[in-house]
C-alpha atoms as a PDB file:
ATOM      1  CA  MET A   1      17.081 -10.674  22.660  1.00  0.00           C
ATOM      2  CA  ARG A   2      14.826  -9.727  19.680  1.00  0.00           C
ATOM      3  CA  ALA A   3      11.120  -9.338  20.022  1.00  0.00           C
ATOM      4  CA  GLY A   4       8.603 -10.519  17.416  1.00  0.00           C
ATOM      5  CA  THR A   5       4.890 -10.459  16.890  1.00  0.00           C
ATOM      6  CA  GLY A   6       4.173 -13.883  15.523  1.00  0.00           C
ATOM      7  CA  LYS A   7       3.907 -16.077  12.478  1.00  0.00           C
ATOM      8  CA  VAL A   8       3.141 -15.313   8.863  1.00  0.00           C
ATOM      9  CA  ASN A   9       0.399 -17.190   7.016  1.00  0.00           C
ATOM     10  CA  LEU A  10       2.144 -19.863   5.029  1.00  0.00           C
ATOM     11  CA  LEU A  11      -0.956 -21.081   3.277  1.00  0.00           C
ATOM     12  CA  MET A  12      -1.225 -18.058   0.948  1.00  0.00           C
ATOM     13  CA  TYR A  13       1.225 -16.351  -1.397  1.00  0.00           C
ATOM     14  CA  ARG A  14       1.199 -12.559  -1.274  1.00  0.00           C
ATOM     15  CA  ILE A  15       1.827 -10.956  -4.639  1.00  0.00           C
ATOM     16  CA  ALA A  16       2.316  -7.247  -5.240  1.00  0.00           C
ATOM     17  CA  LEU A  17       1.835  -5.429  -8.509  1.00  0.00           C
ATOM     18  CA  CYS A  18       3.367  -1.999  -8.894  1.00  0.00           C
ATOM     19  CA  ASP A  19       2.575  -0.042 -12.096  1.00  0.00           C
ATOM     20  CA  ASP A  20       1.392   3.400 -12.770  1.00  0.00           C
ATOM     21  CA  GLU A  21      -0.922   2.192 -15.520  1.00  0.00           C
ATOM     22  CA  ALA A  22      -4.283   0.776 -14.319  1.00  0.00           C
ATOM     23  CA  GLU A  23      -4.803  -1.369 -17.451  1.00  0.00           C
ATOM     24  CA  ALA A  24      -1.376  -2.921 -16.935  1.00  0.00           C
ATOM     25  CA  LEU A  25      -2.305  -3.799 -13.386  1.00  0.00           C
ATOM     26  CA  ASN A  26      -5.541  -5.222 -14.528  1.00  0.00           C
ATOM     27  CA  LYS A  27      -3.993  -7.405 -17.169  1.00  0.00           C
ATOM     28  CA  THR A  28      -1.342  -8.821 -14.830  1.00  0.00           C
ATOM     29  CA  GLU A  29      -3.928  -9.536 -12.123  1.00  0.00           C
ATOM     30  CA  ARG A  30      -6.211 -11.290 -14.661  1.00  0.00           C
ATOM     31  CA  MET A  31      -3.382 -13.572 -15.739  1.00  0.00           C
ATOM     32  CA  LEU A  32      -2.585 -14.326 -12.073  1.00  0.00           C
ATOM     33  CA  ARG A  33      -6.169 -15.097 -11.269  1.00  0.00           C
ATOM     34  CA  LYS A  34      -6.510 -17.422 -14.256  1.00  0.00           C
ATOM     35  CA  TYR A  35      -3.326 -19.194 -13.161  1.00  0.00           C
ATOM     36  CA  GLU A  36      -4.657 -19.481  -9.636  1.00  0.00           C
ATOM     37  CA  ALA A  37      -7.904 -20.919 -10.848  1.00  0.00           C
ATOM     38  CA  GLU A  38      -6.001 -23.541 -12.872  1.00  0.00           C
ATOM     39  CA  HIS A  39      -3.856 -24.661  -9.983  1.00  0.00           C
ATOM     40  CA  PRO A  40      -6.038 -25.978  -7.078  1.00  0.00           C
ATOM     41  CA  GLY A  41      -4.239 -25.606  -3.719  1.00  0.00           C
ATOM     42  CA  THR A  42      -2.666 -22.283  -4.628  1.00  0.00           C
ATOM     43  CA  GLU A  43      -4.172 -19.119  -3.200  1.00  0.00           C
ATOM     44  CA  PHE A  44      -2.868 -15.563  -3.982  1.00  0.00           C
ATOM     45  CA  ALA A  45      -3.442 -12.345  -2.058  1.00  0.00           C
ATOM     46  CA  VAL A  46      -2.845  -9.588  -4.674  1.00  0.00           C
ATOM     47  CA  ASP A  47      -1.939  -6.098  -3.596  1.00  0.00           C
ATOM     48  CA  ARG A  48      -2.005  -3.344  -6.156  1.00  0.00           C
ATOM     49  CA  PHE A  49       0.240  -0.217  -6.085  1.00  0.00           C
ATOM     50  CA  GLU A  50       0.008   2.673  -8.611  1.00  0.00           C
ATOM     51  CA  SER A  51       3.264   4.165  -7.407  1.00  0.00           C
ATOM     52  CA  ALA A  52       6.586   3.041  -6.071  1.00  0.00           C
ATOM     53  CA  ASP A  53       6.342   5.566  -3.221  1.00  0.00           C
ATOM     54  CA  ARG A  54       3.293   3.875  -1.869  1.00  0.00           C
ATOM     55  CA  LEU A  55       4.936   0.480  -1.963  1.00  0.00           C
ATOM     56  CA  LEU A  56       8.048   1.774  -0.271  1.00  0.00           C
ATOM     57  CA  PHE A  57       5.897   3.399   2.421  1.00  0.00           C
ATOM     58  CA  MET A  58       4.228   0.200   3.181  1.00  0.00           C
ATOM     59  CA  ALA A  59       7.601  -1.692   3.305  1.00  0.00           C
ATOM     60  CA  ALA A  60       9.098   0.921   5.677  1.00  0.00           C
ATOM     61  CA  GLU A  61       6.121   1.615   7.902  1.00  0.00           C
ATOM     62  CA  GLU A  62       4.173  -1.695   7.888  1.00  0.00           C
ATOM     63  CA  SER A  63       7.040  -4.181   7.315  1.00  0.00           C
ATOM     64  CA  TYR A  64       5.307  -5.143   4.111  1.00  0.00           C
ATOM     65  CA  MET A  65       7.127  -7.925   2.242  1.00  0.00           C
ATOM     66  CA  PRO A  66       5.258  -9.816  -0.398  1.00  0.00           C
ATOM     67  CA  ASP A  67       6.419 -13.225  -1.633  1.00  0.00           C
ATOM     68  CA  LEU A  68       6.548 -11.912  -5.236  1.00  0.00           C
ATOM     69  CA  LEU A  69       6.594  -8.449  -6.724  1.00  0.00           C
ATOM     70  CA  PHE A  70       5.791  -7.443 -10.304  1.00  0.00           C
ATOM     71  CA  MET A  71       7.102  -3.992 -10.909  1.00  0.00           C
ATOM     72  CA  ASP A  72       7.091  -1.744 -13.949  1.00  0.00           C
ATOM     73  CA  ILE A  73      10.517  -0.130 -14.583  1.00  0.00           C
ATOM     74  CA  TYR A  74       9.215   3.058 -16.040  1.00  0.00           C
ATOM     75  CA  MET A  75       7.171   5.064 -13.564  1.00  0.00           C
ATOM     76  CA  PRO A  76       6.998   8.861 -13.316  1.00  0.00           C
ATOM     77  CA  GLU A  77       8.182   9.498  -9.726  1.00  0.00           C
ATOM     78  CA  MET A  78      10.802   6.748  -9.370  1.00  0.00           C
ATOM     79  CA  LYS A  79      12.079   3.963 -11.729  1.00  0.00           C
ATOM     80  CA  GLY A  80      11.437   0.387 -10.681  1.00  0.00           C
ATOM     81  CA  ILE A  81      15.227  -0.314 -10.378  1.00  0.00           C
ATOM     82  CA  GLU A  82      15.588   2.442  -7.866  1.00  0.00           C
ATOM     83  CA  ALA A  83      12.574   1.327  -5.837  1.00  0.00           C
ATOM     84  CA  ALA A  84      13.948  -2.210  -5.839  1.00  0.00           C
ATOM     85  CA  GLY A  85      17.226  -0.937  -4.548  1.00  0.00           C
ATOM     86  CA  GLU A  86      15.379   0.765  -1.683  1.00  0.00           C
ATOM     87  CA  LEU A  87      13.595  -2.439  -0.858  1.00  0.00           C
ATOM     88  CA  ARG A  88      16.876  -4.344  -0.773  1.00  0.00           C
ATOM     89  CA  SER A  89      18.353  -1.744   1.473  1.00  0.00           C
ATOM     90  CA  MET A  90      15.442  -2.406   3.956  1.00  0.00           C
ATOM     91  CA  GLY A  91      16.428  -6.034   4.021  1.00  0.00           C
ATOM     92  CA  SER A  92      13.566  -7.187   1.798  1.00  0.00           C
ATOM     93  CA  ARG A  93      14.145 -10.598   0.181  1.00  0.00           C
ATOM     94  CA  THR A  94      11.030 -10.407  -1.994  1.00  0.00           C
ATOM     95  CA  ARG A  95      11.370 -12.045  -5.420  1.00  0.00           C
ATOM     96  CA  ILE A  96      11.082  -9.157  -7.909  1.00  0.00           C
ATOM     97  CA  VAL A  97       9.955  -9.440 -11.540  1.00  0.00           C
ATOM     98  CA  PHE A  98      10.395  -6.299 -13.705  1.00  0.00           C
ATOM     99  CA  LEU A  99       7.851  -5.635 -16.455  1.00  0.00           C
ATOM    100  CA  THR A 100       8.811  -3.144 -19.054  1.00  0.00           C
ATOM    101  CA  THR A 101       8.534  -2.192 -22.738  1.00  0.00           C
ATOM    102  CA  SER A 102      12.372  -2.096 -23.130  1.00  0.00           C
ATOM    103  CA  LYS A 103      15.292  -4.354 -22.523  1.00  0.00           C
ATOM    104  CA  GLU A 104      17.476  -1.306 -21.810  1.00  0.00           C
ATOM    105  CA  HIS A 105      17.780  -1.881 -18.057  1.00  0.00           C
ATOM    106  CA  ALA A 106      18.150  -5.680 -18.072  1.00  0.00           C
ATOM    107  CA  LEU A 107      21.675  -5.623 -16.641  1.00  0.00           C
ATOM    108  CA  GLU A 108      20.639  -3.263 -13.939  1.00  0.00           C
ATOM    109  CA  ALA A 109      17.825  -5.723 -12.854  1.00  0.00           C
ATOM    110  CA  PHE A 110      20.475  -8.216 -11.940  1.00  0.00           C
ATOM    111  CA  GLY A 111      22.141  -5.701  -9.630  1.00  0.00           C
ATOM    112  CA  VAL A 112      19.102  -5.729  -7.328  1.00  0.00           C
ATOM    113  CA  ASP A 113      18.804  -9.503  -7.503  1.00  0.00           C
ATOM    114  CA  ALA A 114      15.760  -9.541  -9.741  1.00  0.00           C
ATOM    115  CA  ALA A 115      14.202 -12.940 -10.378  1.00  0.00           C
ATOM    116  CA  GLN A 116      13.113 -12.209 -13.874  1.00  0.00           C
ATOM    117  CA  TYR A 117      12.826  -9.477 -16.479  1.00  0.00           C
ATOM    118  CA  LEU A 118       9.824  -9.574 -18.779  1.00  0.00           C
ATOM    119  CA  VAL A 119       9.180  -7.390 -21.749  1.00  0.00           C
ATOM    120  CA  LYS A 120       5.648  -6.133 -22.231  1.00  0.00           C
ATOM    121  CA  PRO A 121       3.191  -7.200 -23.491  1.00  0.00           C
ATOM    122  CA  VAL A 122       3.815 -10.266 -21.391  1.00  0.00           C
ATOM    123  CA  ALA A 123       2.329 -13.430 -22.903  1.00  0.00           C
ATOM    124  CA  ALA A 124       0.342 -15.610 -20.461  1.00  0.00           C
ATOM    125  CA  GLU A 125       2.568 -18.590 -21.303  1.00  0.00           C
ATOM    126  CA  ARG A 126       5.676 -16.712 -20.114  1.00  0.00           C
ATOM    127  CA  LEU A 127       3.997 -15.558 -16.955  1.00  0.00           C
ATOM    128  CA  TYR A 128       2.797 -19.128 -16.262  1.00  0.00           C
ATOM    129  CA  GLN A 129       6.255 -20.516 -16.687  1.00  0.00           C
ATOM    130  CA  LEU A 130       7.604 -17.985 -14.286  1.00  0.00           C
ATOM    131  CA  MET A 131       4.806 -18.847 -11.700  1.00  0.00           C
ATOM    132  CA  ASP A 132       5.606 -22.545 -12.085  1.00  0.00           C
ATOM    133  CA  ARG A 133       9.175 -21.837 -11.139  1.00  0.00           C
ATOM    134  CA  PHE A 134       8.254 -19.393  -8.399  1.00  0.00           C
ATOM    135  CA  LEU A 135       5.861 -21.912  -6.674  1.00  0.00           C
ATOM    136  CA  GLU A 136       8.406 -24.692  -6.907  1.00  0.00           C
ATOM    137  CA  GLU A 137      11.157 -22.537  -5.422  1.00  0.00           C
ATOM    138  CA  ALA A 138       8.815 -21.056  -2.749  1.00  0.00           C
ATOM    139  CA  GLU A 139       7.774 -24.555  -1.587  1.00  0.00           C
ATOM    140  CA  GLU A 140      11.331 -25.721  -1.395  1.00  0.00           C
ATOM    141  CA  GLU A 141      12.162 -22.681   0.658  1.00  0.00           C
ATOM    142  CA  ARG A 142       9.235 -23.154   2.956  1.00  0.00           C
ATOM    143  CA  ARG A 143      10.489 -26.568   3.795  1.00  0.00           C
ATOM    144  CA  ARG A 144      13.677 -25.157   5.087  1.00  0.00           C
ATOM    145  CA  TYR A 145      12.700 -21.908   6.796  1.00  0.00           C
ATOM    146  CA  LEU A 146      10.065 -20.365   9.056  1.00  0.00           C
ATOM    147  CA  LEU A 147       8.871 -16.895   8.199  1.00  0.00           C
ATOM    148  CA  LEU A 148       8.441 -14.859  11.394  1.00  0.00           C
ATOM    149  CA  ARG A 149       7.839 -11.248  12.175  1.00  0.00           C
ATOM    150  CA  ILE A 150      10.818 -10.118  14.347  1.00  0.00           C
ATOM    151  CA  GLU A 151      11.412  -6.538  15.474  1.00  0.00           C
ATOM    152  CA  GLY A 152       8.755  -5.346  13.013  1.00  0.00           C
ATOM    153  CA  ARG A 153      10.279  -7.165  10.069  1.00  0.00           C
ATOM    154  CA  ILE A 154       9.502 -10.377   8.462  1.00  0.00           C
ATOM    155  CA  GLN A 155      12.579 -12.639   8.649  1.00  0.00           C
ATOM    156  CA  ARG A 156      13.415 -16.099   7.455  1.00  0.00           C
ATOM    157  CA  VAL A 157      14.686 -18.310  10.277  1.00  0.00           C
ATOM    158  CA  PRO A 158      16.431 -21.548   9.136  1.00  0.00           C
ATOM    159  CA  VAL A 159      14.798 -24.557  10.810  1.00  0.00           C
ATOM    160  CA  ASN A 160      18.097 -26.301  11.257  1.00  0.00           C
ATOM    161  CA  ASP A 161      19.264 -23.376  13.427  1.00  0.00           C
ATOM    162  CA  ILE A 162      16.356 -23.670  15.941  1.00  0.00           C
ATOM    163  CA  VAL A 163      17.747 -25.349  19.124  1.00  0.00           C
ATOM    164  CA  TYR A 164      14.607 -25.080  21.319  1.00  0.00           C
ATOM    165  CA  CYS A 165      11.619 -22.877  22.158  1.00  0.00           C
ATOM    166  CA  GLU A 166      10.762 -21.856  25.705  1.00  0.00           C
ATOM    167  CA  ALA A 167       7.521 -20.497  27.035  1.00  0.00           C
ATOM    168  CA  GLN A 168       7.972 -17.167  28.878  1.00  0.00           C
ATOM    169  CA  GLY A 169       4.523 -15.983  29.945  1.00  0.00           C
ATOM    170  CA  LYS A 170       2.535 -14.792  26.977  1.00  0.00           C
ATOM    171  CA  THR A 171       5.466 -14.961  24.718  1.00  0.00           C
ATOM    172  CA  GLN A 172       7.753 -17.751  23.405  1.00  0.00           C
ATOM    173  CA  CYS A 173      11.499 -17.459  23.313  1.00  0.00           C
ATOM    174  CA  LEU A 174      13.147 -19.103  20.284  1.00  0.00           C
ATOM    175  CA  HIS A 175      16.820 -20.034  20.905  1.00  0.00           C
ATOM    176  CA  LEU A 176      19.097 -20.413  17.874  1.00  0.00           C
ATOM    177  CA  SER A 177      22.337 -22.228  17.453  1.00  0.00           C
ATOM    178  CA  ASP A 178      24.375 -18.971  17.253  1.00  0.00           C
ATOM    179  CA  GLY A 179      23.017 -17.810  20.611  1.00  0.00           C
ATOM    180  CA  VAL A 180      20.497 -15.382  19.207  1.00  0.00           C
ATOM    181  CA  GLN A 181      17.148 -15.393  20.933  1.00  0.00           C
ATOM    182  CA  HIS A 182      13.793 -14.213  19.400  1.00  0.00           C
ATOM    183  CA  LEU A 183      10.792 -13.338  21.453  1.00  0.00           C
ATOM    184  CA  LEU A 184       7.621 -14.223  19.532  1.00  0.00           C
ATOM    185  CA  ARG A 185       4.094 -13.075  20.533  1.00  0.00           C
ATOM    186  CA  MET A 186       2.362 -16.302  19.614  1.00  0.00           C
ATOM    187  CA  THR A 187       1.294 -19.423  21.434  1.00  0.00           C
ATOM    188  CA  MET A 188       3.346 -22.616  21.936  1.00  0.00           C
ATOM    189  CA  ALA A 189       0.643 -24.486  20.037  1.00  0.00           C
ATOM    190  CA  GLU A 190       1.148 -22.184  16.997  1.00  0.00           C
ATOM    191  CA  ILE A 191       4.833 -22.827  17.008  1.00  0.00           C
ATOM    192  CA  CYS A 192       4.329 -26.583  17.309  1.00  0.00           C
ATOM    193  CA  GLY A 193       2.101 -26.390  14.266  1.00  0.00           C
ATOM    194  CA  MET A 194       4.747 -24.611  12.271  1.00  0.00           C
ATOM    195  CA  LEU A 195       7.374 -27.136  13.240  1.00  0.00           C
ATOM    196  CA  SER A 196       5.261 -30.146  12.856  1.00  0.00           C
ATOM    197  CA  PRO A 197       6.679 -31.092   9.423  1.00  0.00           C
ATOM    198  CA  TRP A 198      10.048 -31.779  10.922  1.00  0.00           C
ATOM    199  CA  ARG A 199      10.430 -34.975  13.034  1.00  0.00           C
ATOM    200  CA  GLU A 200      13.321 -33.641  15.082  1.00  0.00           C
ATOM    201  CA  PHE A 201      11.098 -31.203  17.001  1.00  0.00           C
ATOM    202  CA  VAL A 202       9.235 -32.621  19.961  1.00  0.00           C
ATOM    203  CA  ARG A 203       7.123 -31.048  22.693  1.00  0.00           C
ATOM    204  CA  VAL A 204       8.464 -31.421  26.143  1.00  0.00           C
ATOM    205  CA  GLY A 205       5.928 -30.639  28.802  1.00  0.00           C
ATOM    206  CA  ALA A 206       3.933 -27.397  28.391  1.00  0.00           C
ATOM    207  CA  ALA A 207       6.911 -25.154  28.352  1.00  0.00           C
ATOM    208  CA  TYR A 208       9.431 -26.521  25.778  1.00  0.00           C
ATOM    209  CA  ILE A 209       9.881 -27.598  22.188  1.00  0.00           C
ATOM    210  CA  MET A 210      13.166 -29.308  21.650  1.00  0.00           C
ATOM    211  CA  ASN A 211      15.175 -30.058  18.504  1.00  0.00           C
ATOM    212  CA  LEU A 212      16.415 -33.670  19.128  1.00  0.00           C
ATOM    213  CA  ASP A 213      19.500 -32.915  16.928  1.00  0.00           C
ATOM    214  CA  TYR A 214      20.961 -30.616  19.520  1.00  0.00           C
ATOM    215  CA  ILE A 215      20.507 -33.018  22.522  1.00  0.00           C
ATOM    216  CA  ASP A 216      23.822 -34.437  23.804  1.00  0.00           C
ATOM    217  CA  ASN A 217      22.302 -36.612  26.521  1.00  0.00           C
ATOM    218  CA  LEU A 218      19.465 -36.689  28.900  1.00  0.00           C
ATOM    219  CA  ASN A 219      18.406 -38.215  32.177  1.00  0.00           C
ATOM    220  CA  ALA A 220      15.301 -38.134  34.387  1.00  0.00           C
ATOM    221  CA  GLN A 221      16.252 -34.668  35.705  1.00  0.00           C
ATOM    222  CA  GLU A 222      17.739 -32.706  32.825  1.00  0.00           C
ATOM    223  CA  ILE A 223      18.543 -32.383  29.083  1.00  0.00           C
ATOM    224  CA  SER A 224      22.177 -31.592  28.186  1.00  0.00           C
ATOM    225  CA  LEU A 225      22.573 -29.807  24.863  1.00  0.00           C
ATOM    226  CA  ASN A 226      25.761 -30.041  22.763  1.00  0.00           C
ATOM    227  CA  SER A 227      26.353 -26.357  23.443  1.00  0.00           C
ATOM    228  CA  GLY A 228      26.692 -27.174  27.204  1.00  0.00           C
ATOM    229  CA  THR A 229      23.266 -25.714  28.092  1.00  0.00           C
ATOM    230  CA  LYS A 230      21.221 -27.751  30.538  1.00  0.00           C
ATOM    231  CA  ILE A 231      17.475 -27.657  30.699  1.00  0.00           C
ATOM    232  CA  TYR A 232      15.631 -29.137  33.673  1.00  0.00           C
ATOM    233  CA  LEU A 233      12.851 -31.572  32.574  1.00  0.00           C
ATOM    234  CA  PRO A 234       9.266 -30.995  33.748  1.00  0.00           C
ATOM    235  CA  ARG A 235       7.878 -33.641  36.059  1.00  0.00           C
ATOM    236  CA  GLY A 236       6.781 -36.690  34.179  1.00  0.00           C
ATOM    237  CA  ALA A 237       8.325 -35.636  30.828  1.00  0.00           C
ATOM    238  CA  TYR A 238      11.361 -37.971  30.867  1.00  0.00           C
ATOM    239  CA  LYS A 239       9.830 -41.273  29.806  1.00  0.00           C
ATOM    240  CA  THR A 240       8.069 -39.793  26.766  1.00  0.00           C
ATOM    241  CA  LEU A 241      11.043 -37.781  25.735  1.00  0.00           C
ATOM    242  CA  LYS A 242      13.425 -40.742  26.043  1.00  0.00           C
ATOM    243  CA  GLU A 243      11.111 -42.758  23.843  1.00  0.00           C
ATOM    244  CA  GLN A 244      10.920 -40.037  21.218  1.00  0.00           C
ATOM    245  CA  TYR A 245      14.708 -39.504  21.360  1.00  0.00           C
ATOM    246  CA  PHE A 246      15.602 -43.182  20.737  1.00  0.00           C
ATOM    247  CA  ARG A 247      12.860 -43.761  18.127  1.00  0.00           C
ATOM    248  CA  TYR A 248      14.116 -40.721  16.138  1.00  0.00           C
ATOM    249  CA  TYR A 249      17.712 -41.845  16.153  1.00  0.00           C
ATOM    250  CA  CYS A 250      16.930 -45.501  15.432  1.00  0.00           C
ATOM    251  CA  GLU A 251      14.731 -44.603  12.495  1.00  0.00           C
ATOM    252  CA  GLU A 252      17.360 -42.124  11.222  1.00  0.00           C
ATOM    253  CA  ASN A 253      20.130 -44.780  11.388  1.00  0.00           C
END
């Protein structure tokens, strides 16, 4: 069973800038802020790093994983390609955009799954095109995954893999289809809020959130999941659950 410490704010995009030149950091941040101002509904938390070492320290010690990273390839203590490789070895799935004055390392960038390779000076139009694509892809991804902090790391959990969530004291236990269980230090109400965009998730009493797609059958006493697991229903929960179950499948079909 894996322990976690809660949810990640999904209303804001965290963007990291890593460059040893202060003016380069300033220019990139100015363009991002202008883009943010021109796109109501988007909000950026921008973190600045003047060395790759500091960025890697935050990733290793604080489980820091931004949604998007702009990184200079040429830095004194460590090249951006090497730093990106270190991040990938830590399990980071951050989208990485390299900024550089040369195309020399373009092929290496693909080796660390870089999202883009931009040559300095970066035109605002090129950056805006990249941000348009990033926001579109990030929104699509957020519709399919929950971002959760598990064992000190931020992990993506596919929504379709969540079978049910069970309250266990001050923590909630997330049960996945492969048998893995994640303990999360958050409230049941918070998890309900995160899962609210998906109709298949319903609250069952105070202790459970169920994915209707995994229910094989149910009666007044218990739910039978297609894995064979049985969950005893809280008193008075059957009528509401039965109505939700049939309404969901009738509307689906």
